[in-house]
Amino acid sequence: RERFLNELFFPESQGETLSPDIRRKLYAEGHQRLVSPWLSPAFALIALVALLSGEFNRRGHSRRLIFAATSMIVLESASVSLQSLAGRTSAAVPLMYLLPLSVIAFCLWLLTRQKRKPASAAQLTARV
């Protein structure tokens, strides 16, 4: 955690000879440093989805807020788990990027989708 980004990706440029296991862990740490800024917009969008979706009343927010907090905890846990997995196998590195970007895309989709208005009683009787 005390190394610069270029030292994480290219430790041999510093004249070090490391085992493949340590090299994979350094590589995963470098990618985690690049991915972690994407978690902040993901957290913010989860909160926005929780607050802006649904109806606006004074009593309905607690369930959505608990869901948002739980989603953020799951997202952070998945991010840490993927970093650990990437330390063992390099195939998990793309998943580290995919996780926050897919959450951002899904939250943006939820915020921008058009909601249908429920049909009024007059519209329903006019159809019959």
Protein backbone atom coordinates (compact mmCIF):
# COMPACT_ATOMS: atom_id res chain seq x y z
CA ARG A 1 0.00 0.00 0.00
CA GLU A 2 3.03 2.25 0.17
CA ARG A 3 3.97 1.80 -3.47
CA PHE A 4 3.21 4.09 -6.36
CA LEU A 5 1.01 2.89 -9.19
CA ASN A 6 3.88 2.26 -11.59
CA GLU A 7 5.65 0.22 -8.89
CA LEU A 8 2.55 -1.94 -8.52
CA PHE A 9 2.24 -2.68 -12.22
CA PHE A 10 5.96 -2.92 -13.01
CA PRO A 11 7.82 -4.06 -9.87
CA GLU A 12 10.70 -5.44 -11.93
CA SER A 13 11.53 -1.88 -13.08
CA GLN A 14 12.66 -1.22 -9.50
CA GLY A 15 15.14 -4.08 -9.69
CA GLU A 16 13.02 -6.38 -7.53
CA THR A 17 12.59 -10.06 -8.21
CA LEU A 18 9.26 -11.19 -6.81
CA SER A 19 7.40 -14.46 -6.77
CA PRO A 20 4.43 -14.77 -9.13
CA ASP A 21 2.07 -14.78 -6.14
CA ILE A 22 3.35 -11.43 -4.83
CA ARG A 23 3.35 -10.01 -8.35
CA ARG A 24 -0.36 -10.95 -8.80
CA LYS A 25 -1.22 -9.31 -5.47
CA LEU A 26 0.58 -6.12 -6.49
CA TYR A 27 -1.20 -6.19 -9.85
CA ALA A 28 -4.58 -6.60 -8.12
CA GLU A 29 -3.80 -3.73 -5.75
CA GLY A 30 -2.92 -1.49 -8.70
CA HIS A 31 -6.19 -2.27 -10.42
CA GLN A 32 -8.11 -1.75 -7.18
CA ARG A 33 -6.66 1.75 -6.99
CA LEU A 34 -7.95 2.42 -10.49
CA VAL A 35 -11.37 0.92 -9.80
CA SER A 36 -12.05 2.44 -6.39
CA PRO A 37 -12.91 5.95 -7.70
CA TRP A 38 -15.76 4.37 -9.66
CA LEU A 39 -17.34 3.13 -6.43
CA SER A 40 -18.17 6.66 -5.26
CA PRO A 41 -20.54 7.46 -8.16
CA ALA A 42 -22.02 3.97 -7.78
CA PHE A 43 -22.77 4.64 -4.10
CA ALA A 44 -24.25 8.05 -4.92
CA LEU A 45 -26.46 6.60 -7.65
CA ILE A 46 -27.69 3.84 -5.35
CA ALA A 47 -28.73 6.53 -2.86
CA LEU A 48 -30.42 8.56 -5.61
CA VAL A 49 -32.35 5.54 -6.84
CA ALA A 50 -33.49 4.81 -3.30
CA LEU A 51 -34.66 8.37 -2.71
CA LEU A 52 -36.07 9.29 -6.11
CA SER A 53 -37.76 6.08 -7.15
CA GLY A 54 -41.14 5.23 -5.76
CA GLU A 55 -43.79 7.48 -4.39
CA PHE A 56 -43.13 10.59 -2.36
CA ASN A 57 -44.67 10.26 1.07
CA ARG A 58 -43.39 10.68 4.58
CA ARG A 59 -43.74 7.07 5.64
CA GLY A 60 -42.23 5.03 2.81
CA HIS A 61 -38.55 5.88 2.99
CA SER A 62 -37.24 3.51 5.66
CA ARG A 63 -37.49 0.36 3.56
CA ARG A 64 -35.81 2.01 0.59
CA LEU A 65 -33.03 3.47 2.75
CA ILE A 66 -32.34 0.09 4.35
CA PHE A 67 -32.23 -1.46 0.88
CA ALA A 68 -29.80 1.24 -0.30
CA ALA A 69 -27.51 0.79 2.69
CA THR A 70 -27.56 -2.98 2.23
CA SER A 71 -26.81 -2.59 -1.48
CA MET A 72 -23.82 -0.39 -0.69
CA ILE A 73 -22.48 -2.90 1.83
CA VAL A 74 -22.88 -5.71 -0.71
CA LEU A 75 -21.15 -3.63 -3.40
CA GLU A 76 -18.19 -2.84 -1.14
CA SER A 77 -17.95 -6.48 -0.02
CA ALA A 78 -18.03 -7.69 -3.62
CA SER A 79 -15.33 -5.21 -4.54
CA VAL A 80 -13.04 -6.41 -1.74
CA SER A 81 -13.78 -10.05 -2.63
CA LEU A 82 -12.94 -9.44 -6.28
CA GLN A 83 -9.66 -7.80 -5.29
CA SER A 84 -8.81 -10.85 -3.22
CA LEU A 85 -9.77 -13.13 -6.10
CA ALA A 86 -7.69 -11.04 -8.53
CA GLY A 87 -4.73 -11.55 -6.20
CA ARG A 88 -5.02 -15.27 -6.88
CA THR A 89 -5.99 -15.22 -10.57
CA SER A 90 -5.62 -12.44 -13.13
CA ALA A 91 -8.86 -13.47 -14.82
CA ALA A 92 -10.84 -11.62 -12.12
CA VAL A 93 -9.36 -8.21 -12.98
CA PRO A 94 -11.99 -7.39 -15.66
CA LEU A 95 -14.70 -8.25 -13.12
CA MET A 96 -13.25 -5.60 -10.82
CA TYR A 97 -14.04 -2.99 -13.48
CA LEU A 98 -17.33 -4.54 -14.50
CA LEU A 99 -18.82 -4.45 -11.01
CA PRO A 100 -19.01 -0.67 -10.39
CA LEU A 101 -19.67 0.14 -14.04
CA SER A 102 -22.61 -2.26 -14.21
CA VAL A 103 -24.05 -0.81 -10.98
CA ILE A 104 -23.71 2.70 -12.40
CA ALA A 105 -25.37 1.68 -15.67
CA PHE A 106 -28.22 -0.10 -13.88
CA CYS A 107 -28.86 2.83 -11.54
CA LEU A 108 -28.84 5.29 -14.45
CA TRP A 109 -31.30 3.06 -16.28
CA LEU A 110 -33.57 3.01 -13.21
CA LEU A 111 -33.43 6.79 -12.91
CA THR A 112 -34.11 7.50 -16.58
CA ARG A 113 -36.80 4.96 -17.40
CA GLN A 114 -40.26 6.30 -18.05
CA LYS A 115 -42.91 5.29 -15.59
CA ARG A 116 -46.39 4.54 -16.81
CA LYS A 117 -49.20 6.44 -15.23
CA PRO A 118 -51.93 4.23 -13.84
CA ALA A 119 -55.11 4.40 -15.85
CA SER A 120 -57.89 6.38 -14.25
CA ALA A 121 -61.38 4.95 -13.80
CA ALA A 122 -62.69 7.16 -16.61
CA GLN A 123 -60.09 5.82 -19.03
CA LEU A 124 -60.86 2.23 -18.06
CA THR A 125 -64.62 2.65 -18.62
CA ALA A 126 -64.01 4.42 -21.93
CA ARG A 127 -62.12 1.38 -23.20
CA VAL A 128 -64.94 -1.00 -22.41
